[in-house]
């Protein structure tokens, strides 16, 4: 559904637009018409418009367009003209409109396509703007340590996070110094060797786990990626890298191993409980099937062989281990019998509980079994009374009939 604002001072423009839009977008657009001047973009059915169609008929088209673009931002604006003028059309687009359409040349297909493209382009631009904003914020506040070094592995620039590790108030104080000025030899020497290898071979080192040791005895762990720094000619002029602190992760390794052992024990316990649940399901299935009539039944049960009666045959196959289907046969008189078939929503123990509830209610309602309407109404009221205080709904559908052997 496209929400469109049409800004025009021409009375017939609304009819023209509706005729074109109705041909290609029937039922898929809502249009709000405004004659201007505007201080805010009108809402369409209480929501922000997707696109603005602007009738460019003012003496000063650039100013008219500027005002509308200002109040519509970021909603895309499409200009409308009665006369073709390539210079004006180009100026309209250069000044911020998505497109400029000439009404006499306009087709329903062309209008619909232009609106669709403008809206989609606007959505893409908005997404890109949001992504650029998030990226800028990430680079400004990234807690990872970023650093650039020359061919002698001396710092030429470091991030604020890196300066914090070195206890420097100003990142610029690290310029010209090396790892040996801030770390112990245990870390500084292999770091230097890695960087000189990168300078010599041009090959990056990615996601290397490094142990950092500071002169004050602090020990940390970082996941480091280092790459060759090249100038505009492709020549290696140093290295740069980023280090992500994973000290907490390393400290958690022992705790994770302990938790893994505990989970293994819980898994074994869960397997035992699942076995018990499966056994309960088997028992529930047997109980549920015991509630149903046999596969074949003859009514009346005590009728002499060869006497007239009603024969029943049934097959019950639940989709899961236990299901929510239930049926029963209720003797009404010597010649009449009631048949109830119902379905409880869902499968499993919950549905099986529903069948048990219905079975109990049916036993209570047998005195009304000769009146289908009254029987089902009473059954529904009984079920409602039981489930009134249960938060989750339990839905039952049912049909009931009374078969009369004498009347057929």
Protein backbone atom coordinates (compact mmCIF):
# COMPACT_ATOMS: atom_id res chain seq x y z
CA UNK A 1 0.00 0.00 0.00
CA UNK A 2 1.53 3.30 -1.14
CA UNK A 3 0.63 6.46 0.81
CA UNK A 4 0.80 9.46 -1.54
CA UNK A 5 0.55 13.20 -0.90
CA UNK A 6 -0.42 15.27 -3.95
CA UNK A 7 0.45 18.98 -3.65
CA UNK A 8 -1.36 20.95 -6.33
CA UNK A 9 -3.35 24.11 -6.91
CA UNK A 10 -5.02 22.62 -9.98
CA UNK A 11 -8.50 21.24 -9.31
CA UNK A 12 -8.35 18.65 -12.09
CA UNK A 13 -4.97 17.23 -11.04
CA UNK A 14 -6.48 14.94 -8.40
CA UNK A 15 -8.79 13.36 -11.00
CA UNK A 16 -5.89 12.90 -13.42
CA UNK A 17 -3.73 11.21 -10.81
CA UNK A 18 -6.54 8.99 -9.50
CA UNK A 19 -7.33 7.88 -13.05
CA UNK A 20 -3.72 6.89 -13.73
CA UNK A 21 -3.10 5.34 -10.33
CA UNK A 22 -6.39 3.48 -10.34
CA UNK A 23 -5.49 1.84 -13.63
CA UNK A 24 -2.23 0.31 -12.35
CA UNK A 25 -2.46 0.42 -8.55
CA UNK A 26 -6.13 -0.15 -7.79
CA UNK A 27 -6.57 -0.86 -4.12
CA UNK A 28 -2.84 -0.40 -3.43
CA UNK A 29 -2.62 3.32 -2.78
CA UNK A 30 -4.07 6.07 -0.60
CA UNK A 31 -3.80 9.71 -1.71
CA UNK A 32 -4.03 12.93 0.30
CA UNK A 33 -4.43 16.15 -1.67
CA UNK A 34 -3.15 19.51 -0.40
CA UNK A 35 -3.12 22.87 -2.11
CA UNK A 36 -0.39 24.39 0.11
CA UNK A 37 1.41 26.37 1.36
CA UNK A 38 2.51 23.79 3.93
CA UNK A 39 4.38 23.93 7.22
CA UNK A 40 4.36 20.16 7.68
CA UNK A 41 3.83 17.20 5.39
CA UNK A 42 0.20 15.98 5.74
CA UNK A 43 -0.30 12.47 7.09
CA UNK A 44 -2.07 9.89 4.97
CA UNK A 45 -4.58 7.85 6.94
CA UNK A 46 -2.67 8.77 10.11
CA UNK A 47 0.72 7.64 8.77
CA UNK A 48 3.73 9.27 7.13
CA UNK A 49 3.53 9.44 3.35
CA UNK A 50 5.72 7.21 1.17
CA UNK A 51 6.02 9.71 -1.68
CA UNK A 52 5.06 13.30 -2.58
CA UNK A 53 3.73 14.31 -6.01
CA UNK A 54 4.42 18.04 -6.44
CA UNK A 55 2.69 20.12 -9.10
CA UNK A 56 5.42 22.49 -10.26
CA UNK A 57 3.32 25.46 -11.37
CA UNK A 58 4.72 28.28 -9.21
CA UNK A 59 6.58 31.20 -10.84
CA UNK A 60 9.69 30.28 -8.83
CA UNK A 61 9.97 26.51 -9.24
CA UNK A 62 13.32 26.14 -7.39
CA UNK A 63 11.94 27.89 -4.30
CA UNK A 64 8.69 25.91 -4.45
CA UNK A 65 10.69 22.67 -4.70
CA UNK A 66 13.08 23.70 -1.91
CA UNK A 67 10.21 24.38 0.51
CA UNK A 68 8.53 21.04 -0.20
CA UNK A 69 11.79 19.09 0.00
CA UNK A 70 12.48 20.70 3.37
CA UNK A 71 9.19 19.65 4.94
CA UNK A 72 9.06 16.25 3.17
CA UNK A 73 12.57 15.03 4.04
CA UNK A 74 13.28 12.08 3.92
CA UNK A 75 10.10 11.30 1.90
CA UNK A 76 10.94 11.33 -1.84
CA UNK A 77 9.41 14.07 -4.04
CA UNK A 78 8.38 13.63 -7.69
CA UNK A 79 7.73 16.76 -9.75
CA UNK A 80 4.76 17.08 -12.15
CA UNK A 81 4.73 19.43 -15.17
CA UNK A 82 2.20 20.17 -17.87
CA UNK A 83 4.83 21.26 -20.39
CA UNK A 84 8.05 19.58 -21.40
CA UNK A 85 11.21 21.58 -20.84
CA UNK A 86 14.39 19.56 -20.60
CA UNK A 87 16.32 22.30 -18.79
CA UNK A 88 13.60 22.69 -16.16
CA UNK A 89 13.26 18.93 -15.73
CA UNK A 90 17.01 18.53 -15.27
CA UNK A 91 17.10 21.38 -12.76
CA UNK A 92 14.27 19.84 -10.76
CA UNK A 93 16.14 16.56 -10.44
CA UNK A 94 19.46 18.29 -9.66
CA UNK A 95 17.75 20.24 -6.88
CA UNK A 96 16.66 17.08 -5.07
CA UNK A 97 13.52 15.64 -6.68
CA UNK A 98 13.55 11.95 -7.52
CA UNK A 99 12.07 12.59 -10.98
CA UNK A 100 10.12 15.10 -13.05
CA UNK A 101 7.12 13.77 -15.01
CA UNK A 102 5.33 15.46 -17.92
CA UNK A 103 1.57 14.93 -17.50
CA UNK A 104 0.57 14.80 -21.23
CA UNK A 105 3.26 12.15 -21.82
CA UNK A 106 2.52 10.21 -18.66
CA UNK A 107 1.06 6.68 -18.71
CA UNK A 108 -0.39 4.70 -15.83
CA UNK A 109 2.47 2.21 -16.08
CA UNK A 110 5.07 4.98 -16.11
CA UNK A 111 3.58 6.73 -13.08
CA UNK A 112 3.33 3.52 -11.07
CA UNK A 113 6.88 2.53 -11.97
CA UNK A 114 8.26 5.97 -11.04
CA UNK A 115 6.49 5.93 -7.66
CA UNK A 116 7.67 2.41 -6.92
CA UNK A 117 11.27 3.20 -7.87
CA UNK A 118 11.27 6.43 -5.87
CA UNK A 119 9.98 4.73 -2.75
CA UNK A 120 12.40 1.82 -3.02
CA UNK A 121 15.32 4.18 -3.72
CA UNK A 122 14.36 6.25 -0.69
CA UNK A 123 14.26 3.17 1.51
CA UNK A 124 17.72 2.13 0.31
CA UNK A 125 19.11 5.63 0.91
CA UNK A 126 17.67 5.75 4.41
CA UNK A 127 19.14 2.35 5.22
CA UNK A 128 22.54 3.44 3.90
CA UNK A 129 22.39 6.65 5.94
CA UNK A 130 21.60 4.70 9.09
CA UNK A 131 24.44 2.28 8.38
CA UNK A 132 26.89 5.14 7.80
CA UNK A 133 25.80 6.73 11.06
CA UNK A 134 26.26 3.48 12.97
CA UNK A 135 29.66 2.88 11.34
CA UNK A 136 30.86 6.36 12.29
CA UNK A 137 29.75 5.83 15.88
CA UNK A 138 31.48 2.44 15.98
CA UNK A 139 34.80 3.84 14.76
CA UNK A 140 34.63 6.74 17.20
CA UNK A 141 33.97 4.58 20.26
CA UNK A 142 35.40 1.17 19.36
CA UNK A 143 36.97 -0.42 22.49
CA UNK A 144 39.37 -2.52 20.39
CA UNK A 145 42.95 -1.29 20.08
CA UNK A 146 43.94 0.04 16.66
CA UNK A 147 47.53 0.98 15.79
CA UNK A 148 49.75 1.94 12.86
CA UNK A 149 53.54 1.42 12.74
CA UNK A 150 56.44 2.34 10.45
CA UNK A 151 59.06 0.01 8.94
CA UNK A 152 60.94 -0.10 12.26
CA UNK A 153 57.75 -1.10 14.13
CA UNK A 154 57.49 2.30 15.79
CA UNK A 155 54.03 3.70 16.45
CA UNK A 156 52.82 6.41 14.08
CA UNK A 157 49.24 6.47 15.37
CA UNK A 158 47.17 4.61 17.96
CA UNK A 159 43.53 4.65 19.06
CA UNK A 160 42.21 5.99 22.35
CA UNK A 161 41.69 2.42 23.58
CA UNK A 162 45.35 1.65 22.89
CA UNK A 163 46.46 4.78 24.72
CA UNK A 164 44.44 3.74 27.74
CA UNK A 165 46.36 0.44 27.95
CA UNK A 166 49.63 2.41 27.89
CA UNK A 167 48.26 4.83 30.55
CA UNK A 168 48.71 7.76 28.15
CA UNK A 169 46.36 10.74 28.31
CA UNK A 170 47.25 11.69 24.75
CA UNK A 171 47.56 8.99 22.04
CA UNK A 172 50.11 11.22 20.32
CA UNK A 173 52.61 10.51 23.12
CA UNK A 174 53.12 7.00 21.71
CA UNK A 175 54.41 8.27 18.34
CA UNK A 176 57.99 7.15 17.71
CA UNK A 177 57.93 4.52 20.44
CA UNK A 178 57.66 0.73 20.10
CA UNK A 179 56.20 -2.22 21.98
CA UNK A 180 59.45 -2.45 23.97
CA UNK A 181 58.59 0.88 25.60
CA UNK A 182 55.26 -0.40 26.94
CA UNK A 183 55.37 -4.21 27.16
CA UNK A 184 57.81 -6.71 28.62
CA UNK A 185 60.24 -8.52 26.35
CA UNK A 186 58.02 -11.63 26.60
CA UNK A 187 55.44 -9.92 24.39
CA UNK A 188 57.44 -7.21 22.61
CA UNK A 189 60.01 -9.52 20.95
CA UNK A 190 57.53 -11.93 19.20
CA UNK A 191 55.33 -8.98 18.21
CA UNK A 192 58.35 -7.32 16.52
CA UNK A 193 59.25 -10.55 14.73
CA UNK A 194 55.69 -10.90 13.39
CA UNK A 195 55.66 -7.32 12.09
CA UNK A 196 59.02 -7.64 10.37
CA UNK A 197 57.85 -10.84 8.71
CA UNK A 198 54.76 -9.00 7.40
CA UNK A 199 56.99 -6.20 6.04
CA UNK A 200 59.27 -8.71 4.37
CA UNK A 201 56.60 -11.01 2.87
CA UNK A 202 53.54 -8.77 2.56
CA UNK A 203 51.41 -11.52 4.14
CA UNK A 204 48.88 -10.65 6.83
CA UNK A 205 48.55 -12.37 10.20
CA UNK A 206 44.90 -12.81 11.12
CA UNK A 207 43.25 -13.68 14.44
CA UNK A 208 46.41 -14.64 16.28
CA UNK A 209 46.01 -15.19 20.02
CA UNK A 210 48.67 -13.18 21.83
CA UNK A 211 49.65 -12.95 25.50
CA UNK A 212 50.35 -9.37 26.55
CA UNK A 213 52.51 -8.73 29.64
CA UNK A 214 53.00 -5.24 31.08
CA UNK A 215 55.84 -4.10 33.37
CA UNK A 216 53.40 -3.70 36.28
CA UNK A 217 52.65 -7.44 36.13
CA UNK A 218 49.33 -7.13 34.30
CA UNK A 219 48.68 -10.07 31.97
CA UNK A 220 46.11 -9.99 29.22
CA UNK A 221 45.10 -11.93 26.14
CA UNK A 222 44.16 -10.41 22.77
CA UNK A 223 43.05 -11.69 19.40
CA UNK A 224 45.22 -9.75 16.95
CA UNK A 225 45.14 -9.18 13.21
CA UNK A 226 48.12 -7.41 11.58
CA UNK A 227 48.43 -6.39 7.94
CA UNK A 228 50.96 -4.57 5.73
CA UNK A 229 50.48 -0.80 5.46
CA UNK A 230 50.92 0.34 1.86
CA UNK A 231 51.18 3.78 0.25
CA UNK A 232 49.41 4.92 -2.91
CA UNK A 233 52.03 3.13 -5.03
CA UNK A 234 51.41 -0.18 -3.29
CA UNK A 235 54.75 -0.09 -1.46
CA UNK A 236 54.87 -1.41 2.12
CA UNK A 237 55.60 1.47 4.46
CA UNK A 238 54.76 -0.21 7.75
CA UNK A 239 52.09 -2.29 9.43
CA UNK A 240 48.72 -1.75 11.08
CA UNK A 241 46.60 -3.92 13.28
CA UNK A 242 43.67 -4.31 15.61
CA UNK A 243 43.66 -6.21 18.88
CA UNK A 244 40.52 -7.41 20.60
CA UNK A 245 40.78 -8.10 24.33
CA UNK A 246 39.79 -11.70 25.09
CA UNK A 247 41.24 -11.90 28.61
CA UNK A 248 37.85 -12.55 30.12
CA UNK A 249 37.30 -15.33 27.59
CA UNK A 250 40.55 -17.03 28.57
CA UNK A 251 39.74 -16.75 32.25
CA UNK A 252 36.40 -18.33 31.58
CA UNK A 253 37.84 -21.41 29.88
CA UNK A 254 38.18 -23.36 33.12
CA UNK A 255 34.71 -22.30 34.20
CA UNK A 256 33.36 -23.35 30.80
CA UNK A 257 34.96 -26.78 31.13
CA UNK A 258 33.40 -27.17 34.57
CA UNK A 259 30.04 -26.10 33.15
CA UNK A 260 30.46 -28.54 30.28
CA UNK A 261 30.84 -31.39 32.76
CA UNK A 262 27.78 -30.22 34.65
CA UNK A 263 25.77 -30.03 31.43
CA UNK A 264 26.84 -33.55 30.59
CA UNK A 265 25.38 -34.72 33.88
CA UNK A 266 22.21 -32.72 33.26
CA UNK A 267 21.94 -34.24 29.79
CA UNK A 268 22.02 -37.73 31.25
CA UNK A 269 19.37 -36.71 33.77
CA UNK A 270 17.24 -35.21 31.01
CA UNK A 271 17.53 -38.40 28.98
CA UNK A 272 16.20 -40.37 31.95
CA UNK A 273 13.30 -37.94 32.32
CA UNK A 274 12.55 -38.17 28.61
CA UNK A 275 12.40 -41.94 28.92
CA UNK A 276 9.94 -41.57 31.79
CA UNK A 277 7.89 -39.12 29.71
CA UNK A 278 7.79 -41.55 26.81
CA UNK A 279 6.55 -44.24 29.14
CA UNK A 280 3.89 -41.84 30.44
CA UNK A 281 2.84 -41.11 26.86
CA UNK A 282 2.47 -44.82 26.17
CA UNK A 283 0.27 -45.17 29.25
CA UNK A 284 -1.73 -42.06 28.28
CA UNK A 285 -2.23 -43.48 24.80
CA UNK A 286 -3.59 -46.71 26.25
CA UNK A 287 -5.95 -44.84 28.57
CA UNK A 288 -7.14 -42.63 25.73
CA UNK A 289 -7.86 -45.56 23.44
CA UNK A 290 -9.71 -47.29 26.28
CA UNK A 291 -12.13 -44.32 26.36
CA UNK A 292 -13.17 -44.94 22.75
CA UNK A 293 -15.67 -47.55 21.51
CA UNK A 294 -14.24 -50.67 19.94
CA UNK A 295 -13.39 -50.85 16.26
CA UNK A 296 -16.79 -52.52 15.70
CA UNK A 297 -19.99 -52.16 17.71
CA UNK A 298 -23.60 -53.28 17.30
CA UNK A 299 -26.61 -51.54 18.81
CA UNK A 300 -28.51 -52.56 20.79
CA UNK A 301 -25.80 -54.63 22.46
CA UNK A 302 -28.23 -57.24 23.90
CA UNK A 303 -30.17 -57.73 20.67
CA UNK A 304 -30.84 -61.29 19.57
CA UNK A 305 -28.78 -62.55 16.61
CA UNK A 306 -30.36 -61.55 13.30
CA UNK A 307 -32.53 -58.80 14.84
CA UNK A 308 -32.43 -55.34 13.27
CA UNK A 309 -29.95 -52.84 14.71
CA UNK A 310 -27.25 -50.28 13.92
CA UNK A 311 -23.70 -51.39 13.16
CA UNK A 312 -20.68 -49.12 13.82
CA UNK A 313 -17.11 -49.42 12.50
CA UNK A 314 -14.29 -47.02 13.31
CA UNK A 315 -10.56 -46.48 12.80
CA UNK A 316 -8.55 -44.19 15.10
CA UNK A 317 -5.02 -43.16 14.10
CA UNK A 318 -3.62 -40.13 15.98
CA UNK A 319 -1.04 -37.97 14.18
CA UNK A 320 1.24 -38.06 17.24
CA UNK A 321 1.70 -40.54 20.07
CA UNK A 322 -1.53 -39.26 21.53
CA UNK A 323 -4.03 -36.97 19.85
CA UNK A 324 -6.97 -34.75 20.57
CA UNK A 325 -9.71 -36.63 18.70
CA UNK A 326 -12.57 -38.27 20.58
CA UNK A 327 -15.79 -40.00 19.65
CA UNK A 328 -18.39 -42.02 21.52
CA UNK A 329 -21.71 -43.80 21.00
CA UNK A 330 -24.55 -43.03 23.43
CA UNK A 331 -27.65 -45.30 23.61
CA UNK A 332 -30.77 -43.11 23.62
CA UNK A 333 -33.55 -45.72 23.35
CA UNK A 334 -34.06 -49.21 21.91
CA UNK A 335 -34.17 -47.75 18.42
CA UNK A 336 -32.12 -44.54 18.71
CA UNK A 337 -28.43 -43.94 19.33
CA UNK A 338 -26.36 -40.73 19.64
CA UNK A 339 -22.95 -40.30 17.94
CA UNK A 340 -20.51 -37.59 19.12
CA UNK A 341 -17.31 -36.79 17.20
CA UNK A 342 -15.05 -34.02 18.46
CA UNK A 343 -11.53 -32.65 18.04
CA UNK A 344 -9.46 -30.94 20.74
CA UNK A 345 -6.93 -28.41 19.46
CA UNK A 346 -3.34 -29.67 19.36
CA UNK A 347 -1.62 -32.93 20.22
CA UNK A 348 0.11 -34.45 23.21
CA UNK A 349 -0.78 -34.57 26.88
CA UNK A 350 -2.72 -31.33 26.79
CA UNK A 351 -5.01 -32.57 24.05
CA UNK A 352 -5.35 -35.92 25.81
CA UNK A 353 -6.41 -34.10 28.98
CA UNK A 354 -9.02 -32.31 26.89
CA UNK A 355 -10.45 -35.61 25.67
CA UNK A 356 -10.68 -36.82 29.27
CA UNK A 357 -12.56 -33.66 30.26
CA UNK A 358 -14.99 -34.05 27.36
CA UNK A 359 -15.48 -37.74 28.17
CA UNK A 360 -16.40 -36.86 31.75
CA UNK A 361 -18.84 -34.16 30.61
CA UNK A 362 -20.47 -36.54 28.13
CA UNK A 363 -21.19 -38.97 30.93
CA UNK A 364 -22.91 -36.19 32.86
CA UNK A 365 -24.93 -35.06 29.82
CA UNK A 366 -26.27 -38.47 28.75
CA UNK A 367 -29.71 -37.57 30.07
CA UNK A 368 -29.94 -34.96 27.29
CA UNK A 369 -28.56 -37.20 24.57
CA UNK A 370 -31.88 -37.38 22.70
CA UNK A 371 -31.82 -33.60 22.01
CA UNK A 372 -28.69 -32.70 19.97
CA UNK A 373 -29.00 -28.93 20.37
CA UNK A 374 -29.50 -29.08 24.12
CA UNK A 375 -26.81 -31.75 24.46
CA UNK A 376 -24.13 -29.68 22.67
CA UNK A 377 -25.16 -26.50 24.48
CA UNK A 378 -24.83 -28.18 27.85
CA UNK A 379 -21.53 -29.71 26.81
CA UNK A 380 -20.20 -26.29 25.82
CA UNK A 381 -21.35 -24.66 29.07
CA UNK A 382 -19.78 -27.45 31.10
CA UNK A 383 -16.48 -27.11 29.27
CA UNK A 384 -16.51 -23.32 29.72
CA UNK A 385 -17.10 -23.66 33.46
CA UNK A 386 -14.10 -25.99 33.82
CA UNK A 387 -11.72 -23.91 31.70
CA UNK A 388 -12.79 -20.47 32.92
CA UNK A 389 -9.71 -19.99 35.13
CA UNK A 390 -7.16 -21.43 32.67
CA UNK A 391 -5.03 -18.77 30.94
CA UNK A 392 -4.30 -20.75 27.78
CA UNK A 393 -7.30 -21.48 25.56
CA UNK A 394 -8.48 -25.03 24.91
CA UNK A 395 -10.62 -25.14 21.78
CA UNK A 396 -12.94 -28.02 20.96
CA UNK A 397 -14.98 -28.57 17.81
CA UNK A 398 -17.70 -31.19 17.80
CA UNK A 399 -20.64 -32.58 15.86
CA UNK A 400 -23.42 -34.70 17.31
CA UNK A 401 -26.26 -36.61 15.74
CA UNK A 402 -29.01 -38.97 16.86
CA UNK A 403 -29.57 -41.91 14.50
CA UNK A 404 -33.05 -43.52 14.47
CA UNK A 405 -33.19 -47.10 13.23
CA UNK A 406 -36.94 -47.05 12.65
CA UNK A 407 -37.01 -43.88 10.51
CA UNK A 408 -33.59 -44.39 8.96
